[in-house]
Amino acid sequence: MQEIGRQIRQIRNRKGISLNAYANELGVSPGYLSNLETGKTQNITLKVLEQLQSDLYLIPFPTDDNDELRMRLDRVYELLSALQNCKPDAVEYLLRCVEEGAEVFLTHYSTKSL
């Protein structure tokens, strides 16, 4: 539940929605939403969960391989964005590894298939 709470807070903040405003939209108290975001509560009603899913696309449901790839890329984007604040050099290194690795594989596989 703590991971979901962290995601709720991260997405809510990224969208610029205050805790009080979003709690009001959900029909819960700000204290409850704060506890949910920090993992201090383990209970969530189905109604609130459905509203969170609808508003924040909290729990992605892949329907094909491309959706799963998109979900994973979105997750990597979130992680790298968070890391950028404290370790920009690490982000640069990781991005360079992915870019160069993808180019190597594309070159290797496109050469083999010819």
PDB file of N, CA and C in Angstrom:
ATOM      1  N   MET A   1       0.826  -1.195   0.000  1.00  0.00           N
ATOM      2  CA  MET A   1       0.000   0.000   0.000  1.00  0.00           C
ATOM      3  C   MET A   1       0.869   1.256   0.000  1.00  0.00           C
ATOM      4  N   GLN A   2       2.057   1.155   0.591  1.00  0.00           N
ATOM      5  CA  GLN A   2       2.932   2.322   0.653  1.00  0.00           C
ATOM      6  C   GLN A   2       3.384   2.752  -0.742  1.00  0.00           C
ATOM      7  N   GLU A   3       3.628   1.777  -1.629  1.00  0.00           N
ATOM      8  CA  GLU A   3       4.037   2.103  -2.998  1.00  0.00           C
ATOM      9  C   GLU A   3       2.912   2.819  -3.736  1.00  0.00           C
ATOM     10  N   ILE A   4       1.692   2.366  -3.558  1.00  0.00           N
ATOM     11  CA  ILE A   4       0.550   3.033  -4.194  1.00  0.00           C
ATOM     12  C   ILE A   4       0.412   4.449  -3.651  1.00  0.00           C
ATOM     13  N   GLY A   5       0.566   4.598  -2.352  1.00  0.00           N
ATOM     14  CA  GLY A   5       0.485   5.922  -1.741  1.00  0.00           C
ATOM     15  C   GLY A   5       1.538   6.871  -2.287  1.00  0.00           C
ATOM     16  N   ARG A   6       2.747   6.350  -2.453  1.00  0.00           N
ATOM     17  CA  ARG A   6       3.834   7.165  -3.008  1.00  0.00           C
ATOM     18  C   ARG A   6       3.487   7.596  -4.433  1.00  0.00           C
ATOM     19  N   GLN A   7       2.915   6.684  -5.192  1.00  0.00           N
ATOM     20  CA  GLN A   7       2.523   7.008  -6.565  1.00  0.00           C
ATOM     21  C   GLN A   7       1.414   8.058  -6.583  1.00  0.00           C
ATOM     22  N   ILE A   8       0.468   7.925  -5.674  1.00  0.00           N
ATOM     23  CA  ILE A   8      -0.625   8.905  -5.601  1.00  0.00           C
ATOM     24  C   ILE A   8      -0.054  10.295  -5.364  1.00  0.00           C
ATOM     25  N   ARG A   9       0.808  10.412  -4.369  1.00  0.00           N
ATOM     26  CA  ARG A   9       1.392  11.718  -4.046  1.00  0.00           C
ATOM     27  C   ARG A   9       2.208  12.256  -5.212  1.00  0.00           C
ATOM     28  N   GLN A  10       3.023  11.413  -5.805  1.00  0.00           N
ATOM     29  CA  GLN A  10       3.892  11.845  -6.907  1.00  0.00           C
ATOM     30  C   GLN A  10       3.053  12.353  -8.086  1.00  0.00           C
ATOM     31  N   ILE A  11       2.052  11.605  -8.457  1.00  0.00           N
ATOM     32  CA  ILE A  11       1.223  11.999  -9.599  1.00  0.00           C
ATOM     33  C   ILE A  11       0.395  13.234  -9.259  1.00  0.00           C
ATOM     34  N   ARG A  12      -0.162  13.264  -8.045  1.00  0.00           N
ATOM     35  CA  ARG A  12      -0.968  14.418  -7.618  1.00  0.00           C
ATOM     36  C   ARG A  12      -0.125  15.689  -7.645  1.00  0.00           C
ATOM     37  N   ASN A  13       1.088  15.598  -7.125  1.00  0.00           N
ATOM     38  CA  ASN A  13       1.978  16.767  -7.123  1.00  0.00           C
ATOM     39  C   ASN A  13       2.362  17.181  -8.537  1.00  0.00           C
ATOM     40  N   ARG A  14       2.646  16.198  -9.384  1.00  0.00           N
ATOM     41  CA  ARG A  14       3.014  16.506 -10.759  1.00  0.00           C
ATOM     42  C   ARG A  14       1.875  17.215 -11.490  1.00  0.00           C
ATOM     43  N   LYS A  15       0.644  16.857 -11.147  1.00  0.00           N
ATOM     44  CA  LYS A  15      -0.510  17.499 -11.773  1.00  0.00           C
ATOM     45  C   LYS A  15      -0.877  18.816 -11.098  1.00  0.00           C
ATOM     46  N   GLY A  16      -0.184  19.161 -10.014  1.00  0.00           N
ATOM     47  CA  GLY A  16      -0.416  20.431  -9.343  1.00  0.00           C
ATOM     48  C   GLY A  16      -1.699  20.481  -8.530  1.00  0.00           C
ATOM     49  N   ILE A  17      -2.140  19.341  -8.024  1.00  0.00           N
ATOM     50  CA  ILE A  17      -3.363  19.276  -7.227  1.00  0.00           C
ATOM     51  C   ILE A  17      -2.963  19.241  -5.747  1.00  0.00           C
ATOM     52  N   SER A  18      -3.534  20.154  -4.961  1.00  0.00           N
ATOM     53  CA  SER A  18      -3.200  20.175  -3.536  1.00  0.00           C
ATOM     54  C   SER A  18      -3.840  18.988  -2.820  1.00  0.00           C
ATOM     55  N   LEU A  19      -3.269  18.627  -1.696  1.00  0.00           N
ATOM     56  CA  LEU A  19      -3.792  17.528  -0.884  1.00  0.00           C
ATOM     57  C   LEU A  19      -5.235  17.816  -0.484  1.00  0.00           C
ATOM     58  N   ASN A  20      -5.495  19.015   0.010  1.00  0.00           N
ATOM     59  CA  ASN A  20      -6.855  19.364   0.458  1.00  0.00           C
ATOM     60  C   ASN A  20      -7.852  19.324  -0.697  1.00  0.00           C
ATOM     61  N   ALA A  21      -7.473  19.855  -1.834  1.00  0.00           N
ATOM     62  CA  ALA A  21      -8.377  19.881  -2.986  1.00  0.00           C
ATOM     63  C   ALA A  21      -8.673  18.465  -3.466  1.00  0.00           C
ATOM     64  N   TYR A  22      -7.659  17.629  -3.518  1.00  0.00           N
ATOM     65  CA  TYR A  22      -7.881  16.275  -4.014  1.00  0.00           C
ATOM     66  C   TYR A  22      -8.669  15.435  -3.014  1.00  0.00           C
ATOM     67  N   ALA A  23      -8.404  15.633  -1.725  1.00  0.00           N
ATOM     68  CA  ALA A  23      -9.189  14.927  -0.705  1.00  0.00           C
ATOM     69  C   ALA A  23     -10.664  15.297  -0.844  1.00  0.00           C
ATOM     70  N   ASN A  24     -10.926  16.577  -1.070  1.00  0.00           N
ATOM     71  CA  ASN A  24     -12.305  17.037  -1.258  1.00  0.00           C
ATOM     72  C   ASN A  24     -12.948  16.366  -2.473  1.00  0.00           C
ATOM     73  N   GLU A  25     -12.206  16.278  -3.583  1.00  0.00           N
ATOM     74  CA  GLU A  25     -12.718  15.616  -4.794  1.00  0.00           C
ATOM     75  C   GLU A  25     -13.039  14.148  -4.537  1.00  0.00           C
ATOM     76  N   LEU A  26     -12.183  13.491  -3.738  1.00  0.00           N
ATOM     77  CA  LEU A  26     -12.385  12.068  -3.451  1.00  0.00           C
ATOM     78  C   LEU A  26     -13.473  11.833  -2.409  1.00  0.00           C
ATOM     79  N   GLY A  27     -13.830  12.896  -1.670  1.00  0.00           N
ATOM     80  CA  GLY A  27     -14.813  12.735  -0.604  1.00  0.00           C
ATOM     81  C   GLY A  27     -14.231  12.113   0.647  1.00  0.00           C
ATOM     82  N   VAL A  28     -12.930  12.365   0.879  1.00  0.00           N
ATOM     83  CA  VAL A  28     -12.258  11.867   2.086  1.00  0.00           C
ATOM     84  C   VAL A  28     -11.611  13.048   2.796  1.00  0.00           C
ATOM     85  N   SER A  29     -11.204  12.829   4.012  1.00  0.00           N
ATOM     86  CA  SER A  29     -10.543  13.908   4.751  1.00  0.00           C
ATOM     87  C   SER A  29      -9.103  14.057   4.260  1.00  0.00           C
ATOM     88  N   PRO A  30      -8.539  15.271   4.383  1.00  0.00           N
ATOM     89  CA  PRO A  30      -7.131  15.455   4.032  1.00  0.00           C
ATOM     90  C   PRO A  30      -6.212  14.539   4.849  1.00  0.00           C
ATOM     91  N   GLY A  31      -6.577  14.309   6.111  1.00  0.00           N
ATOM     92  CA  GLY A  31      -5.773  13.417   6.955  1.00  0.00           C
ATOM     93  C   GLY A  31      -5.743  11.994   6.419  1.00  0.00           C
ATOM     94  N   TYR A  32      -6.902  11.522   5.963  1.00  0.00           N
ATOM     95  CA  TYR A  32      -6.974  10.173   5.394  1.00  0.00           C
ATOM     96  C   TYR A  32      -6.103  10.076   4.138  1.00  0.00           C
ATOM     97  N   LEU A  33      -6.232  11.073   3.253  1.00  0.00           N
ATOM     98  CA  LEU A  33      -5.436  11.060   2.020  1.00  0.00           C
ATOM     99  C   LEU A  33      -3.946  11.126   2.339  1.00  0.00           C
ATOM    100  N   SER A  34      -3.583  11.950   3.299  1.00  0.00           N
ATOM    101  CA  SER A  34      -2.181  12.037   3.707  1.00  0.00           C
ATOM    102  C   SER A  34      -1.692  10.690   4.239  1.00  0.00           C
ATOM    103  N   ASN A  35      -2.508  10.050   5.076  1.00  0.00           N
ATOM    104  CA  ASN A  35      -2.136   8.730   5.600  1.00  0.00           C
ATOM    105  C   ASN A  35      -2.040   7.692   4.487  1.00  0.00           C
ATOM    106  N   LEU A  36      -2.919   7.787   3.519  1.00  0.00           N
ATOM    107  CA  LEU A  36      -2.873   6.869   2.380  1.00  0.00           C
ATOM    108  C   LEU A  36      -1.588   7.073   1.589  1.00  0.00           C
ATOM    109  N   GLU A  37      -1.237   8.332   1.349  1.00  0.00           N
ATOM    110  CA  GLU A  37      -0.030   8.641   0.574  1.00  0.00           C
ATOM    111  C   GLU A  37       1.252   8.231   1.291  1.00  0.00           C
ATOM    112  N   THR A  38       1.243   8.257   2.603  1.00  0.00           N
ATOM    113  CA  THR A  38       2.455   7.913   3.354  1.00  0.00           C
ATOM    114  C   THR A  38       2.462   6.463   3.822  1.00  0.00           C
ATOM    115  N   GLY A  39       1.438   5.695   3.450  1.00  0.00           N
ATOM    116  CA  GLY A  39       1.397   4.285   3.814  1.00  0.00           C
ATOM    117  C   GLY A  39       0.994   4.023   5.244  1.00  0.00           C
ATOM    118  N   LYS A  40       0.420   5.017   5.906  1.00  0.00           N
ATOM    119  CA  LYS A  40       0.017   4.858   7.303  1.00  0.00           C
ATOM    120  C   LYS A  40      -1.357   4.212   7.444  1.00  0.00           C
ATOM    121  N   THR A  41      -2.076   4.091   6.343  1.00  0.00           N
ATOM    122  CA  THR A  41      -3.347   3.383   6.379  1.00  0.00           C
ATOM    123  C   THR A  41      -3.281   2.228   5.392  1.00  0.00           C
ATOM    124  N   GLN A  42      -3.884   1.128   5.752  1.00  0.00           N
ATOM    125  CA  GLN A  42      -3.888  -0.053   4.899  1.00  0.00           C
ATOM    126  C   GLN A  42      -5.261  -0.289   4.282  1.00  0.00           C
ATOM    127  N   ASN A  43      -6.215   0.593   4.584  1.00  0.00           N
ATOM    128  CA  ASN A  43      -7.580   0.420   4.103  1.00  0.00           C
ATOM    129  C   ASN A  43      -7.916   1.459   3.045  1.00  0.00           C
ATOM    130  N   ILE A  44      -8.559   0.967   1.997  1.00  0.00           N
ATOM    131  CA  ILE A  44      -9.026   1.872   0.961  1.00  0.00           C
ATOM    132  C   ILE A  44     -10.321   1.280   0.411  1.00  0.00           C
ATOM    133  N   THR A  45     -11.313   2.110   0.261  1.00  0.00           N
ATOM    134  CA  THR A  45     -12.573   1.612  -0.280  1.00  0.00           C
ATOM    135  C   THR A  45     -12.455   1.433  -1.778  1.00  0.00           C
ATOM    136  N   LEU A  46     -13.270   0.564  -2.314  1.00  0.00           N
ATOM    137  CA  LEU A  46     -13.265   0.345  -3.751  1.00  0.00           C
ATOM    138  C   LEU A  46     -13.639   1.627  -4.491  1.00  0.00           C
ATOM    139  N   LYS A  47     -14.561   2.390  -3.933  1.00  0.00           N
ATOM    140  CA  LYS A  47     -14.980   3.639  -4.562  1.00  0.00           C
ATOM    141  C   LYS A  47     -13.802   4.610  -4.694  1.00  0.00           C
ATOM    142  N   VAL A  48     -13.023   4.760  -3.623  1.00  0.00           N
ATOM    143  CA  VAL A  48     -11.864   5.660  -3.661  1.00  0.00           C
ATOM    144  C   VAL A  48     -10.812   5.121  -4.626  1.00  0.00           C
ATOM    145  N   LEU A  49     -10.581   3.825  -4.595  1.00  0.00           N
ATOM    146  CA  LEU A  49      -9.603   3.223  -5.500  1.00  0.00           C
ATOM    147  C   LEU A  49     -10.009   3.424  -6.961  1.00  0.00           C
ATOM    148  N   GLU A  50     -11.279   3.250  -7.251  1.00  0.00           N
ATOM    149  CA  GLU A  50     -11.760   3.467  -8.624  1.00  0.00           C
ATOM    150  C   GLU A  50     -11.584   4.924  -9.039  1.00  0.00           C
ATOM    151  N   GLN A  51     -11.851   5.850  -8.122  1.00  0.00           N
ATOM    152  CA  GLN A  51     -11.684   7.269  -8.439  1.00  0.00           C
ATOM    153  C   GLN A  51     -10.211   7.602  -8.673  1.00  0.00           C
ATOM    154  N   LEU A  52      -9.328   7.041  -7.831  1.00  0.00           N
ATOM    155  CA  LEU A  52      -7.889   7.253  -8.012  1.00  0.00           C
ATOM    156  C   LEU A  52      -7.436   6.705  -9.361  1.00  0.00           C
ATOM    157  N   GLN A  53      -7.913   5.511  -9.702  1.00  0.00           N
ATOM    158  CA  GLN A  53      -7.551   4.904 -10.978  1.00  0.00           C
ATOM    159  C   GLN A  53      -8.027   5.772 -12.135  1.00  0.00           C
ATOM    160  N   SER A  54      -9.238   6.257 -12.035  1.00  0.00           N
ATOM    161  CA  SER A  54      -9.805   7.080 -13.094  1.00  0.00           C
ATOM    162  C   SER A  54      -9.052   8.397 -13.246  1.00  0.00           C
ATOM    163  N   ASP A  55      -8.713   9.025 -12.126  1.00  0.00           N
ATOM    164  CA  ASP A  55      -8.049  10.334 -12.151  1.00  0.00           C
ATOM    165  C   ASP A  55      -6.565  10.251 -12.487  1.00  0.00           C
ATOM    166  N   LEU A  56      -5.899   9.271 -11.907  1.00  0.00           N
ATOM    167  CA  LEU A  56      -4.434   9.249 -11.953  1.00  0.00           C
ATOM    168  C   LEU A  56      -3.852   8.108 -12.782  1.00  0.00           C
ATOM    169  N   TYR A  57      -4.678   7.221 -13.290  1.00  0.00           N
ATOM    170  CA  TYR A  57      -4.194   6.033 -14.001  1.00  0.00           C
ATOM    171  C   TYR A  57      -3.117   5.350 -13.166  1.00  0.00           C
ATOM    172  N   LEU A  58      -3.487   5.105 -11.929  1.00  0.00           N
ATOM    173  CA  LEU A  58      -2.562   4.611 -10.926  1.00  0.00           C
ATOM    174  C   LEU A  58      -2.075   3.196 -11.206  1.00  0.00           C
ATOM    175  N   ILE A  59      -2.994   2.349 -11.608  1.00  0.00           N
ATOM    176  CA  ILE A  59      -2.658   0.953 -11.836  1.00  0.00           C
ATOM    177  C   ILE A  59      -2.878   0.667 -13.316  1.00  0.00           C
ATOM    178  N   PRO A  60      -1.818   0.709 -14.111  1.00  0.00           N
ATOM    179  CA  PRO A  60      -1.987   0.497 -15.546  1.00  0.00           C
ATOM    180  C   PRO A  60      -2.336  -0.954 -15.855  1.00  0.00           C
ATOM    181  N   PHE A  61      -3.182  -1.136 -16.826  1.00  0.00           N
ATOM    182  CA  PHE A  61      -3.580  -2.470 -17.251  1.00  0.00           C
ATOM    183  C   PHE A  61      -3.173  -2.658 -18.708  1.00  0.00           C
ATOM    184  N   PRO A  62      -2.057  -3.356 -18.947  1.00  0.00           N
ATOM    185  CA  PRO A  62      -1.624  -3.540 -20.334  1.00  0.00           C
ATOM    186  C   PRO A  62      -2.581  -4.458 -21.093  1.00  0.00           C
ATOM    187  N   THR A  63      -2.837  -4.112 -22.336  1.00  0.00           N
ATOM    188  CA  THR A  63      -3.689  -4.955 -23.163  1.00  0.00           C
ATOM    189  C   THR A  63      -2.895  -5.656 -24.248  1.00  0.00           C
ATOM    190  N   ASP A  64      -1.695  -5.206 -24.532  1.00  0.00           N
ATOM    191  CA  ASP A  64      -0.835  -5.891 -25.483  1.00  0.00           C
ATOM    192  C   ASP A  64       0.618  -5.570 -25.156  1.00  0.00           C
ATOM    193  N   ASP A  65       1.541  -6.113 -25.954  1.00  0.00           N
ATOM    194  CA  ASP A  65       2.971  -5.915 -25.686  1.00  0.00           C
ATOM    195  C   ASP A  65       3.373  -4.448 -25.732  1.00  0.00           C
ATOM    196  N   ASN A  66       2.769  -3.675 -26.634  1.00  0.00           N
ATOM    197  CA  ASN A  66       3.108  -2.256 -26.726  1.00  0.00           C
ATOM    198  C   ASN A  66       2.678  -1.507 -25.476  1.00  0.00           C
ATOM    199  N   ASP A  67       1.529  -1.878 -24.899  1.00  0.00           N
ATOM    200  CA  ASP A  67       1.084  -1.245 -23.661  1.00  0.00           C
ATOM    201  C   ASP A  67       2.044  -1.549 -22.521  1.00  0.00           C
ATOM    202  N   GLU A  68       2.511  -2.793 -22.474  1.00  0.00           N
ATOM    203  CA  GLU A  68       3.452  -3.157 -21.416  1.00  0.00           C
ATOM    204  C   GLU A  68       4.756  -2.382 -21.574  1.00  0.00           C
ATOM    205  N   LEU A  69       5.237  -2.247 -22.800  1.00  0.00           N
ATOM    206  CA  LEU A  69       6.441  -1.461 -23.051  1.00  0.00           C
ATOM    207  C   LEU A  69       6.220  -0.016 -22.621  1.00  0.00           C
ATOM    208  N   ARG A  70       5.077   0.571 -22.971  1.00  0.00           N
ATOM    209  CA  ARG A  70       4.768   1.948 -22.608  1.00  0.00           C
ATOM    210  C   ARG A  70       4.744   2.104 -21.083  1.00  0.00           C
ATOM    211  N   MET A  71       4.134   1.134 -20.385  1.00  0.00           N
ATOM    212  CA  MET A  71       4.095   1.181 -18.918  1.00  0.00           C
ATOM    213  C   MET A  71       5.497   1.170 -18.337  1.00  0.00           C
ATOM    214  N   ARG A  72       6.330   0.297 -18.862  1.00  0.00           N
ATOM    215  CA  ARG A  72       7.686   0.187 -18.338  1.00  0.00           C
ATOM    216  C   ARG A  72       8.489   1.439 -18.639  1.00  0.00           C
ATOM    217  N   LEU A  73       8.324   1.999 -19.839  1.00  0.00           N
ATOM    218  CA  LEU A  73       9.023   3.238 -20.179  1.00  0.00           C
ATOM    219  C   LEU A  73       8.539   4.395 -19.310  1.00  0.00           C
ATOM    220  N   ASP A  74       7.245   4.442 -19.040  1.00  0.00           N
ATOM    221  CA  ASP A  74       6.715   5.479 -18.152  1.00  0.00           C
ATOM    222  C   ASP A  74       7.302   5.343 -16.753  1.00  0.00           C
ATOM    223  N   ARG A  75       7.426   4.114 -16.271  1.00  0.00           N
ATOM    224  CA  ARG A  75       8.000   3.877 -14.935  1.00  0.00           C
ATOM    225  C   ARG A  75       9.470   4.309 -14.909  1.00  0.00           C
ATOM    226  N   VAL A  76      10.215   3.979 -15.953  1.00  0.00           N
ATOM    227  CA  VAL A  76      11.620   4.391 -16.033  1.00  0.00           C
ATOM    228  C   VAL A  76      11.708   5.915 -16.056  1.00  0.00           C
ATOM    229  N   TYR A  77      10.807   6.551 -16.794  1.00  0.00           N
ATOM    230  CA  TYR A  77      10.786   8.013 -16.848  1.00  0.00           C
ATOM    231  C   TYR A  77      10.572   8.600 -15.449  1.00  0.00           C
ATOM    232  N   GLU A  78       9.615   8.043 -14.711  1.00  0.00           N
ATOM    233  CA  GLU A  78       9.358   8.533 -13.349  1.00  0.00           C
ATOM    234  C   GLU A  78      10.581   8.361 -12.459  1.00  0.00           C
ATOM    235  N   LEU A  79      11.214   7.193 -12.551  1.00  0.00           N
ATOM    236  CA  LEU A  79      12.390   6.936 -11.727  1.00  0.00           C
ATOM    237  C   LEU A  79      13.544   7.871 -12.081  1.00  0.00           C
ATOM    238  N   LEU A  80      13.788   8.037 -13.373  1.00  0.00           N
ATOM    239  CA  LEU A  80      14.878   8.921 -13.793  1.00  0.00           C
ATOM    240  C   LEU A  80      14.588  10.377 -13.450  1.00  0.00           C
ATOM    241  N   SER A  81      13.336  10.778 -13.551  1.00  0.00           N
ATOM    242  CA  SER A  81      12.971  12.148 -13.173  1.00  0.00           C
ATOM    243  C   SER A  81      13.238  12.393 -11.698  1.00  0.00           C
ATOM    244  N   ALA A  82      12.896  11.426 -10.868  1.00  0.00           N
ATOM    245  CA  ALA A  82      13.150  11.560  -9.427  1.00  0.00           C
ATOM    246  C   ALA A  82      14.650  11.569  -9.150  1.00  0.00           C
ATOM    247  N   LEU A  83      15.389  10.717  -9.842  1.00  0.00           N
ATOM    248  CA  LEU A  83      16.834  10.631  -9.652  1.00  0.00           C
ATOM    249  C   LEU A  83      17.551  11.880 -10.153  1.00  0.00           C
ATOM    250  N   GLN A  84      16.993  12.527 -11.166  1.00  0.00           N
ATOM    251  CA  GLN A  84      17.600  13.722 -11.759  1.00  0.00           C
ATOM    252  C   GLN A  84      17.845  14.805 -10.711  1.00  0.00           C
ATOM    253  N   ASN A  85      16.958  14.904  -9.730  1.00  0.00           N
ATOM    254  CA  ASN A  85      17.087  15.940  -8.699  1.00  0.00           C
ATOM    255  C   ASN A  85      18.313  15.754  -7.819  1.00  0.00           C
ATOM    256  N   CYS A  86      18.667  14.500  -7.551  1.00  0.00           N
ATOM    257  CA  CYS A  86      19.779  14.291  -6.628  1.00  0.00           C
ATOM    258  C   CYS A  86      21.037  13.728  -7.291  1.00  0.00           C
ATOM    259  N   LYS A  87      20.894  13.040  -8.406  1.00  0.00           N
ATOM    260  CA  LYS A  87      22.044  12.429  -9.069  1.00  0.00           C
ATOM    261  C   LYS A  87      21.960  12.594 -10.591  1.00  0.00           C
ATOM    262  N   PRO A  88      22.110  13.816 -11.091  1.00  0.00           N
ATOM    263  CA  PRO A  88      21.993  14.016 -12.543  1.00  0.00           C
ATOM    264  C   PRO A  88      23.036  13.246 -13.349  1.00  0.00           C
ATOM    265  N   ASP A  89      24.222  13.043 -12.775  1.00  0.00           N
ATOM    266  CA  ASP A  89      25.254  12.281 -13.484  1.00  0.00           C
ATOM    267  C   ASP A  89      24.832  10.825 -13.675  1.00  0.00           C
ATOM    268  N   ALA A  90      24.152  10.272 -12.675  1.00  0.00           N
ATOM    269  CA  ALA A  90      23.675   8.894 -12.780  1.00  0.00           C
ATOM    270  C   ALA A  90      22.617   8.787 -13.870  1.00  0.00           C
ATOM    271  N   VAL A  91      21.749   9.782 -13.959  1.00  0.00           N
ATOM    272  CA  VAL A  91      20.717   9.788 -15.001  1.00  0.00           C
ATOM    273  C   VAL A  91      21.370   9.835 -16.373  1.00  0.00           C
ATOM    274  N   GLU A  92      22.344  10.684 -16.536  1.00  0.00           N
ATOM    275  CA  GLU A  92      23.058  10.791 -17.812  1.00  0.00           C
ATOM    276  C   GLU A  92      23.704   9.462 -18.177  1.00  0.00           C
ATOM    277  N   TYR A  93      24.354   8.822 -17.205  1.00  0.00           N
ATOM    278  CA  TYR A  93      25.004   7.531 -17.444  1.00  0.00           C
ATOM    279  C   TYR A  93      23.979   6.476 -17.868  1.00  0.00           C
ATOM    280  N   LEU A  94      22.869   6.377 -17.140  1.00  0.00           N
ATOM    281  CA  LEU A  94      21.848   5.376 -17.446  1.00  0.00           C
ATOM    282  C   LEU A  94      21.226   5.610 -18.823  1.00  0.00           C
ATOM    283  N   LEU A  95      20.935   6.857 -19.143  1.00  0.00           N
ATOM    284  CA  LEU A  95      20.372   7.163 -20.457  1.00  0.00           C
ATOM    285  C   LEU A  95      21.348   6.817 -21.576  1.00  0.00           C
ATOM    286  N   ARG A  96      22.609   7.141 -21.359  1.00  0.00           N
ATOM    287  CA  ARG A  96      23.621   6.829 -22.363  1.00  0.00           C
ATOM    288  C   ARG A  96      23.730   5.317 -22.575  1.00  0.00           C
ATOM    289  N   CYS A  97      23.681   4.546 -21.487  1.00  0.00           N
ATOM    290  CA  CYS A  97      23.736   3.080 -21.588  1.00  0.00           C
ATOM    291  C   CYS A  97      22.569   2.539 -22.418  1.00  0.00           C
ATOM    292  N   VAL A  98      21.376   3.032 -22.140  1.00  0.00           N
ATOM    293  CA  VAL A  98      20.190   2.560 -22.866  1.00  0.00           C
ATOM    294  C   VAL A  98      20.274   2.957 -24.336  1.00  0.00           C
ATOM    295  N   GLU A  99      20.634   4.207 -24.606  1.00  0.00           N
ATOM    296  CA  GLU A  99      20.709   4.678 -25.988  1.00  0.00           C
ATOM    297  C   GLU A  99      21.760   3.899 -26.783  1.00  0.00           C
ATOM    298  N   GLU A 100      22.946   3.772 -26.203  1.00  0.00           N
ATOM    299  CA  GLU A 100      24.016   3.070 -26.913  1.00  0.00           C
ATOM    300  C   GLU A 100      23.703   1.585 -27.055  1.00  0.00           C
ATOM    301  N   GLY A 101      23.131   0.996 -26.023  1.00  0.00           N
ATOM    302  CA  GLY A 101      22.761  -0.423 -26.085  1.00  0.00           C
ATOM    303  C   GLY A 101      21.713  -0.680 -27.154  1.00  0.00           C
ATOM    304  N   ALA A 102      20.711   0.186 -27.232  1.00  0.00           N
ATOM    305  CA  ALA A 102      19.661   0.036 -28.246  1.00  0.00           C
ATOM    306  C   ALA A 102      20.255   0.152 -29.645  1.00  0.00           C
ATOM    307  N   GLU A 103      21.175   1.089 -29.829  1.00  0.00           N
ATOM    308  CA  GLU A 103      21.808   1.246 -31.142  1.00  0.00           C
ATOM    309  C   GLU A 103      22.610   0.006 -31.525  1.00  0.00           C
ATOM    310  N   VAL A 104      23.322  -0.578 -30.562  1.00  0.00           N
ATOM    311  CA  VAL A 104      24.091  -1.792 -30.837  1.00  0.00           C
ATOM    312  C   VAL A 104      23.155  -2.920 -31.253  1.00  0.00           C
ATOM    313  N   PHE A 105      22.074  -3.124 -30.513  1.00  0.00           N
ATOM    314  CA  PHE A 105      21.139  -4.193 -30.855  1.00  0.00           C
ATOM    315  C   PHE A 105      20.471  -3.956 -32.196  1.00  0.00           C
ATOM    316  N   LEU A 106      20.078  -2.740 -32.456  1.00  0.00           N
ATOM    317  CA  LEU A 106      19.440  -2.443 -33.745  1.00  0.00           C
ATOM    318  C   LEU A 106      20.401  -2.689 -34.901  1.00  0.00           C
ATOM    319  N   THR A 107      21.636  -2.263 -34.723  1.00  0.00           N
ATOM    320  CA  THR A 107      22.642  -2.468 -35.763  1.00  0.00           C
ATOM    321  C   THR A 107      22.901  -3.958 -35.958  1.00  0.00           C
ATOM    322  N   HIS A 108      23.041  -4.684 -34.869  1.00  0.00           N
ATOM    323  CA  HIS A 108      23.322  -6.119 -34.930  1.00  0.00           C
ATOM    324  C   HIS A 108      22.171  -6.874 -35.592  1.00  0.00           C
ATOM    325  N   TYR A 109      20.956  -6.631 -35.168  1.00  0.00           N
ATOM    326  CA  TYR A 109      19.811  -7.368 -35.697  1.00  0.00           C
ATOM    327  C   TYR A 109      19.456  -6.947 -37.113  1.00  0.00           C
ATOM    328  N   SER A 110      19.605  -5.670 -37.440  1.00  0.00           N
ATOM    329  CA  SER A 110      19.285  -5.259 -38.807  1.00  0.00           C
ATOM    330  C   SER A 110      20.334  -5.790 -39.783  1.00  0.00           C
ATOM    331  N   THR A 111      21.604  -5.959 -39.350  1.00  0.00           N
ATOM    332  CA  THR A 111      22.653  -6.523 -40.191  1.00  0.00           C
ATOM    333  C   THR A 111      22.414  -8.018 -40.393  1.00  0.00           C
ATOM    334  N   LYS A 112      22.015  -8.731 -39.329  1.00  0.00           N
ATOM    335  CA  LYS A 112      21.776 -10.170 -39.405  1.00  0.00           C
ATOM    336  C   LYS A 112      20.601 -10.502 -40.310  1.00  0.00           C
ATOM    337  N   SER A 113      19.590  -9.631 -40.282  1.00  0.00           N
ATOM    338  CA  SER A 113      18.385  -9.940 -41.057  1.00  0.00           C
ATOM    339  C   SER A 113      18.569  -9.668 -42.545  1.00  0.00           C
ATOM    340  N   LEU A 114      19.651  -8.979 -42.922  1.00  0.00           N
ATOM    341  CA  LEU A 114      19.879  -8.693 -44.350  1.00  0.00           C
ATOM    342  C   LEU A 114      20.454  -9.851 -45.029  1.00  0.00           C
TER     343      LEU A 114
END
